Amino acid sequence: MYDSKMMRGEKMRYERRGRGERRGFTPRFPPKPVEIGKEYDVEIQETSRRGEGIARIKGLVTFIPNAKPGDHVRIRITRISRRFAEAEVVGKAEEKVEEAEEAEELEEPEEMEETAEEE
């Protein structure tokens, strides 16, 4: 019943796998789309419970103090956590970003009209 090593009083040794060898494992928190110290132009979308502005950068929630919904601001990332980032306002967002967003919105309905005409 017992292994010969156990009968001799020797310790059993088990193989240890490193973290990278687990099969089927996907990281819970993928790489972040932002970096500490980098600046981004964002639009504040909502307010947090603590009164900070909330913006999303490629899906990552970013908390910005002294900002309110509707503000277009340039921010600098100060902290990155597993699920969110924190930033500070460094100025108003450049108009180029706003114009690009408006141009994209205007292009979408035109594309839909073209596809409707083709059918």
N, C-alpha and C. Protein backbone atom coordinates (compact mmCIF):
# COMPACT_ATOMS: atom_id res chain seq x y z
N MET A 1 0.80 -1.19 0.00
CA MET A 1 0.00 0.00 0.00
C MET A 1 0.85 1.26 0.00
N TYR A 2 1.86 1.28 0.82
CA TYR A 2 2.70 2.47 0.91
C TYR A 2 3.81 2.41 -0.12
N ASP A 3 4.20 3.57 -0.56
CA ASP A 3 5.31 3.68 -1.49
C ASP A 3 6.60 3.33 -0.75
N SER A 4 7.56 2.80 -1.45
CA SER A 4 8.80 2.39 -0.80
C SER A 4 9.54 3.56 -0.16
N LYS A 5 9.41 4.75 -0.73
CA LYS A 5 10.06 5.93 -0.15
C LYS A 5 9.45 6.27 1.20
N MET A 6 8.13 6.14 1.30
CA MET A 6 7.46 6.47 2.54
C MET A 6 7.87 5.49 3.64
N MET A 7 8.07 4.25 3.27
CA MET A 7 8.45 3.24 4.26
C MET A 7 9.85 3.49 4.78
N ARG A 8 10.70 4.08 3.93
CA ARG A 8 12.08 4.35 4.35
C ARG A 8 12.20 5.69 5.08
N GLY A 9 11.09 6.44 5.15
CA GLY A 9 11.11 7.71 5.86
C GLY A 9 11.57 8.88 5.00
N GLU A 10 11.70 8.66 3.69
CA GLU A 10 12.10 9.75 2.81
C GLU A 10 10.88 10.61 2.47
N LYS A 11 11.14 11.87 2.24
CA LYS A 11 10.06 12.79 1.89
C LYS A 11 9.71 12.64 0.42
N MET A 12 8.42 12.79 0.14
CA MET A 12 7.97 12.77 -1.25
C MET A 12 8.28 14.13 -1.86
N ARG A 13 8.72 14.12 -3.08
CA ARG A 13 9.00 15.39 -3.76
C ARG A 13 8.01 15.55 -4.92
N TYR A 14 7.45 16.72 -5.01
CA TYR A 14 6.49 17.00 -6.06
C TYR A 14 7.06 18.03 -7.02
N GLU A 15 6.67 17.89 -8.26
CA GLU A 15 7.11 18.88 -9.25
C GLU A 15 6.33 20.16 -9.05
N ARG A 16 7.01 21.27 -9.18
CA ARG A 16 6.32 22.55 -9.08
C ARG A 16 6.33 23.18 -10.46
N ARG A 17 5.20 23.62 -10.87
CA ARG A 17 5.10 24.30 -12.16
C ARG A 17 5.24 25.80 -11.94
N GLY A 18 5.86 26.44 -12.88
CA GLY A 18 5.93 27.89 -12.84
C GLY A 18 4.60 28.47 -13.28
N ARG A 19 4.40 29.75 -13.04
CA ARG A 19 3.13 30.38 -13.38
C ARG A 19 2.85 30.35 -14.88
N GLY A 20 3.88 30.43 -15.71
CA GLY A 20 3.67 30.50 -17.14
C GLY A 20 3.27 29.19 -17.79
N GLU A 21 3.35 28.09 -17.05
CA GLU A 21 3.10 26.78 -17.64
C GLU A 21 1.66 26.31 -17.50
N ARG A 22 0.82 27.06 -16.82
CA ARG A 22 -0.56 26.62 -16.63
C ARG A 22 -1.31 26.65 -17.95
N ARG A 23 -1.94 25.57 -18.28
CA ARG A 23 -2.66 25.46 -19.55
C ARG A 23 -4.05 26.07 -19.40
N GLY A 24 -4.48 26.75 -20.45
CA GLY A 24 -5.82 27.32 -20.43
C GLY A 24 -5.94 28.56 -19.57
N PHE A 25 -4.84 29.06 -19.09
CA PHE A 25 -4.89 30.22 -18.20
C PHE A 25 -4.83 31.51 -19.01
N THR A 26 -5.79 32.38 -18.77
CA THR A 26 -5.75 33.71 -19.37
C THR A 26 -5.72 34.72 -18.23
N PRO A 27 -4.90 35.75 -18.35
CA PRO A 27 -4.81 36.70 -17.26
C PRO A 27 -6.15 37.40 -17.02
N ARG A 28 -6.48 37.61 -15.76
CA ARG A 28 -7.73 38.27 -15.41
C ARG A 28 -7.73 39.72 -15.86
N PHE A 29 -6.59 40.35 -15.77
CA PHE A 29 -6.49 41.75 -16.11
C PHE A 29 -5.49 41.91 -17.25
N PRO A 30 -5.97 42.16 -18.45
CA PRO A 30 -5.07 42.28 -19.60
C PRO A 30 -4.18 43.50 -19.48
N PRO A 31 -3.17 43.64 -20.34
CA PRO A 31 -2.29 44.81 -20.29
C PRO A 31 -3.09 46.10 -20.40
N LYS A 32 -2.65 47.11 -19.70
CA LYS A 32 -3.38 48.37 -19.66
C LYS A 32 -3.12 49.19 -20.92
N PRO A 33 -4.16 49.90 -21.41
CA PRO A 33 -4.00 50.72 -22.62
C PRO A 33 -3.36 52.08 -22.34
N VAL A 34 -2.95 52.34 -21.09
CA VAL A 34 -2.35 53.63 -20.73
C VAL A 34 -1.01 53.40 -20.03
N GLU A 35 -0.22 54.46 -19.95
CA GLU A 35 1.07 54.39 -19.25
C GLU A 35 1.17 55.58 -18.31
N ILE A 36 1.83 55.39 -17.17
CA ILE A 36 2.02 56.47 -16.21
C ILE A 36 2.85 57.57 -16.85
N GLY A 37 2.37 58.82 -16.68
CA GLY A 37 3.09 59.98 -17.21
C GLY A 37 2.65 60.41 -18.59
N LYS A 38 1.96 59.53 -19.33
CA LYS A 38 1.50 59.90 -20.67
C LYS A 38 0.25 60.76 -20.58
N GLU A 39 0.04 61.59 -21.61
CA GLU A 39 -1.11 62.48 -21.64
C GLU A 39 -2.11 62.03 -22.69
N TYR A 40 -3.40 62.20 -22.38
CA TYR A 40 -4.48 61.78 -23.25
C TYR A 40 -5.56 62.86 -23.27
N ASP A 41 -6.23 63.02 -24.40
CA ASP A 41 -7.38 63.90 -24.50
C ASP A 41 -8.63 63.04 -24.31
N VAL A 42 -9.46 63.42 -23.33
CA VAL A 42 -10.64 62.62 -23.02
C VAL A 42 -11.86 63.51 -22.80
N GLU A 43 -13.02 62.89 -22.84
CA GLU A 43 -14.27 63.56 -22.47
C GLU A 43 -14.76 62.90 -21.19
N ILE A 44 -15.07 63.71 -20.19
CA ILE A 44 -15.59 63.18 -18.93
C ILE A 44 -17.03 62.73 -19.18
N GLN A 45 -17.32 61.47 -18.83
CA GLN A 45 -18.63 60.90 -19.14
C GLN A 45 -19.59 60.89 -17.96
N GLU A 46 -19.06 60.70 -16.75
CA GLU A 46 -19.93 60.64 -15.58
C GLU A 46 -19.15 61.03 -14.34
N THR A 47 -19.83 61.02 -13.18
CA THR A 47 -19.20 61.39 -11.91
C THR A 47 -19.17 60.18 -10.99
N SER A 48 -18.06 60.00 -10.27
CA SER A 48 -17.95 58.88 -9.33
C SER A 48 -18.64 59.23 -8.02
N ARG A 49 -18.72 58.26 -7.13
CA ARG A 49 -19.32 58.48 -5.81
C ARG A 49 -18.54 59.51 -5.01
N ARG A 50 -17.24 59.59 -5.27
CA ARG A 50 -16.39 60.55 -4.54
C ARG A 50 -16.39 61.93 -5.21
N GLY A 51 -17.12 62.08 -6.31
CA GLY A 51 -17.21 63.37 -6.98
C GLY A 51 -16.17 63.59 -8.06
N GLU A 52 -15.39 62.58 -8.37
CA GLU A 52 -14.38 62.71 -9.43
C GLU A 52 -15.03 62.44 -10.79
N GLY A 53 -14.46 63.02 -11.83
CA GLY A 53 -14.93 62.74 -13.17
C GLY A 53 -14.45 61.37 -13.62
N ILE A 54 -15.25 60.71 -14.44
CA ILE A 54 -14.89 59.39 -14.96
C ILE A 54 -14.82 59.46 -16.48
N ALA A 55 -13.69 59.01 -17.02
CA ALA A 55 -13.52 58.88 -18.47
C ALA A 55 -13.05 57.46 -18.73
N ARG A 56 -13.29 56.98 -19.93
CA ARG A 56 -12.82 55.64 -20.30
C ARG A 56 -11.83 55.77 -21.45
N ILE A 57 -10.67 55.16 -21.26
CA ILE A 57 -9.64 55.15 -22.30
C ILE A 57 -9.52 53.71 -22.76
N LYS A 58 -10.03 53.43 -23.96
CA LYS A 58 -10.05 52.07 -24.52
C LYS A 58 -10.63 51.08 -23.51
N GLY A 59 -11.70 51.49 -22.82
CA GLY A 59 -12.39 50.63 -21.89
C GLY A 59 -11.90 50.71 -20.45
N LEU A 60 -10.73 51.26 -20.21
CA LEU A 60 -10.19 51.35 -18.85
C LEU A 60 -10.78 52.58 -18.16
N VAL A 61 -11.44 52.36 -17.02
CA VAL A 61 -12.02 53.46 -16.25
C VAL A 61 -10.91 54.31 -15.67
N THR A 62 -11.03 55.62 -15.86
CA THR A 62 -10.03 56.56 -15.37
C THR A 62 -10.71 57.62 -14.53
N PHE A 63 -10.25 57.80 -13.28
CA PHE A 63 -10.81 58.79 -12.38
C PHE A 63 -9.99 60.08 -12.46
N ILE A 64 -10.71 61.21 -12.63
CA ILE A 64 -10.05 62.50 -12.77
C ILE A 64 -10.68 63.49 -11.79
N PRO A 65 -9.94 63.92 -10.75
CA PRO A 65 -10.50 64.90 -9.81
C PRO A 65 -10.69 66.26 -10.48
N ASN A 66 -11.62 67.05 -9.95
CA ASN A 66 -11.91 68.41 -10.43
C ASN A 66 -12.37 68.44 -11.89
N ALA A 67 -13.12 67.43 -12.29
CA ALA A 67 -13.68 67.39 -13.65
C ALA A 67 -15.14 66.99 -13.54
N LYS A 68 -15.95 67.50 -14.47
CA LYS A 68 -17.38 67.18 -14.44
C LYS A 68 -17.81 66.65 -15.81
N PRO A 69 -18.93 65.94 -15.85
CA PRO A 69 -19.40 65.37 -17.12
C PRO A 69 -19.53 66.43 -18.21
N GLY A 70 -19.07 66.07 -19.41
CA GLY A 70 -19.13 66.98 -20.55
C GLY A 70 -17.84 67.74 -20.79
N ASP A 71 -16.94 67.76 -19.82
CA ASP A 71 -15.66 68.45 -19.99
C ASP A 71 -14.77 67.70 -20.97
N HIS A 72 -14.13 68.43 -21.87
CA HIS A 72 -13.11 67.86 -22.77
C HIS A 72 -11.78 68.35 -22.22
N VAL A 73 -10.98 67.43 -21.66
CA VAL A 73 -9.73 67.81 -21.00
C VAL A 73 -8.57 66.96 -21.44
N ARG A 74 -7.38 67.51 -21.24
CA ARG A 74 -6.13 66.75 -21.43
C ARG A 74 -5.71 66.31 -20.04
N ILE A 75 -5.43 65.00 -19.90
CA ILE A 75 -5.05 64.46 -18.60
C ILE A 75 -3.69 63.79 -18.66
N ARG A 76 -3.07 63.66 -17.49
CA ARG A 76 -1.81 62.91 -17.36
C ARG A 76 -2.06 61.79 -16.36
N ILE A 77 -1.74 60.57 -16.72
CA ILE A 77 -1.96 59.40 -15.87
C ILE A 77 -0.98 59.45 -14.70
N THR A 78 -1.52 59.35 -13.47
CA THR A 78 -0.68 59.41 -12.26
C THR A 78 -0.57 58.06 -11.56
N ARG A 79 -1.56 57.19 -11.75
CA ARG A 79 -1.55 55.89 -11.07
C ARG A 79 -2.33 54.89 -11.90
N ILE A 80 -1.84 53.66 -11.98
CA ILE A 80 -2.55 52.59 -12.67
C ILE A 80 -2.76 51.44 -11.69
N SER A 81 -4.01 51.03 -11.55
CA SER A 81 -4.36 49.93 -10.68
C SER A 81 -4.81 48.75 -11.55
N ARG A 82 -5.22 47.66 -10.93
CA ARG A 82 -5.66 46.50 -11.71
C ARG A 82 -6.88 46.81 -12.57
N ARG A 83 -7.84 47.54 -11.99
CA ARG A 83 -9.12 47.75 -12.67
C ARG A 83 -9.36 49.18 -13.14
N PHE A 84 -8.52 50.11 -12.73
CA PHE A 84 -8.74 51.51 -13.10
C PHE A 84 -7.43 52.28 -13.09
N ALA A 85 -7.53 53.53 -13.54
CA ALA A 85 -6.37 54.43 -13.51
C ALA A 85 -6.81 55.74 -12.88
N GLU A 86 -5.85 56.53 -12.40
CA GLU A 86 -6.13 57.85 -11.87
C GLU A 86 -5.28 58.84 -12.64
N ALA A 87 -5.82 60.04 -12.83
CA ALA A 87 -5.13 61.04 -13.64
C ALA A 87 -5.39 62.43 -13.08
N GLU A 88 -4.61 63.40 -13.57
CA GLU A 88 -4.82 64.79 -13.21
C GLU A 88 -5.02 65.60 -14.47
N VAL A 89 -5.80 66.68 -14.35
CA VAL A 89 -6.06 67.54 -15.49
C VAL A 89 -4.84 68.43 -15.72
N VAL A 90 -4.38 68.50 -16.98
CA VAL A 90 -3.24 69.36 -17.31
C VAL A 90 -3.66 70.50 -18.25
N GLY A 91 -4.89 70.47 -18.74
CA GLY A 91 -5.37 71.54 -19.62
C GLY A 91 -6.60 71.11 -20.39
N LYS A 92 -7.03 71.99 -21.28
CA LYS A 92 -8.18 71.66 -22.13
C LYS A 92 -7.71 70.76 -23.26
N ALA A 93 -8.63 69.93 -23.74
CA ALA A 93 -8.31 69.03 -24.85
C ALA A 93 -8.10 69.84 -26.12
N GLU A 94 -7.27 69.33 -27.00
CA GLU A 94 -7.03 69.99 -28.28
C GLU A 94 -8.28 69.88 -29.14
N GLU A 95 -8.53 70.90 -29.95
CA GLU A 95 -9.72 70.91 -30.80
C GLU A 95 -9.66 69.84 -31.88
N LYS A 96 -8.47 69.44 -32.28
CA LYS A 96 -8.31 68.44 -33.34
C LYS A 96 -9.05 67.15 -32.98
N VAL A 97 -8.96 66.73 -31.72
CA VAL A 97 -9.62 65.50 -31.30
C VAL A 97 -11.13 65.65 -31.41
N GLU A 98 -11.66 66.79 -30.96
CA GLU A 98 -13.10 67.02 -31.05
C GLU A 98 -13.56 67.04 -32.50
N GLU A 99 -12.80 67.71 -33.37
CA GLU A 99 -13.16 67.78 -34.78
C GLU A 99 -13.13 66.40 -35.41
N ALA A 100 -12.16 65.57 -35.03
CA ALA A 100 -12.06 64.21 -35.58
C ALA A 100 -13.27 63.39 -35.15
N GLU A 101 -13.70 63.53 -33.90
CA GLU A 101 -14.87 62.79 -33.43
C GLU A 101 -16.12 63.23 -34.20
N GLU A 102 -16.27 64.54 -34.42
CA GLU A 102 -17.43 65.05 -35.14
C GLU A 102 -17.42 64.55 -36.59
N ALA A 103 -16.24 64.52 -37.20
CA ALA A 103 -16.11 64.05 -38.58
C ALA A 103 -16.51 62.57 -38.67
N GLU A 104 -16.11 61.77 -37.69
CA GLU A 104 -16.48 60.35 -37.68
C GLU A 104 -17.98 60.19 -37.58
N GLU A 105 -18.62 61.00 -36.71
CA GLU A 105 -20.07 60.92 -36.54
C GLU A 105 -20.79 61.29 -37.84
N LEU A 106 -20.26 62.28 -38.55
CA LEU A 106 -20.89 62.70 -39.80
C LEU A 106 -20.71 61.67 -40.91
N GLU A 107 -19.58 60.96 -40.90
CA GLU A 107 -19.31 59.96 -41.94
C GLU A 107 -20.20 58.73 -41.80
N GLU A 108 -20.53 58.34 -40.61
CA GLU A 108 -21.31 57.12 -40.39
C GLU A 108 -22.65 57.14 -41.11
N PRO A 109 -23.49 58.19 -40.98
CA PRO A 109 -24.78 58.17 -41.68
C PRO A 109 -24.62 58.13 -43.20
N GLU A 110 -23.59 58.77 -43.74
CA GLU A 110 -23.37 58.76 -45.19
C GLU A 110 -23.09 57.35 -45.68
N GLU A 111 -22.30 56.59 -44.92
CA GLU A 111 -21.98 55.22 -45.30
C GLU A 111 -23.25 54.37 -45.31
N MET A 112 -24.12 54.60 -44.36
CA MET A 112 -25.37 53.84 -44.29
C MET A 112 -26.26 54.16 -45.48
N GLU A 113 -26.29 55.44 -45.89
CA GLU A 113 -27.09 55.83 -47.04
C GLU A 113 -26.58 55.18 -48.31
N GLU A 114 -25.24 55.11 -48.46
CA GLU A 114 -24.65 54.51 -49.65
C GLU A 114 -25.00 53.03 -49.75
N THR A 115 -24.96 52.33 -48.64
CA THR A 115 -25.29 50.90 -48.66
C THR A 115 -26.77 50.70 -48.96
N ALA A 116 -27.62 51.61 -48.50
CA ALA A 116 -29.06 51.51 -48.77
C ALA A 116 -29.33 51.73 -50.27
N GLU A 117 -28.59 52.66 -50.89
CA GLU A 117 -28.76 52.95 -52.32
C GLU A 117 -28.32 51.78 -53.19
N GLU A 118 -27.28 51.07 -52.78
CA GLU A 118 -26.76 49.94 -53.55
C GLU A 118 -27.76 48.80 -53.60
N GLU A 119 -28.52 48.62 -52.55
CA GLU A 119 -29.49 47.51 -52.49
C GLU A 119 -30.64 47.83 -53.35
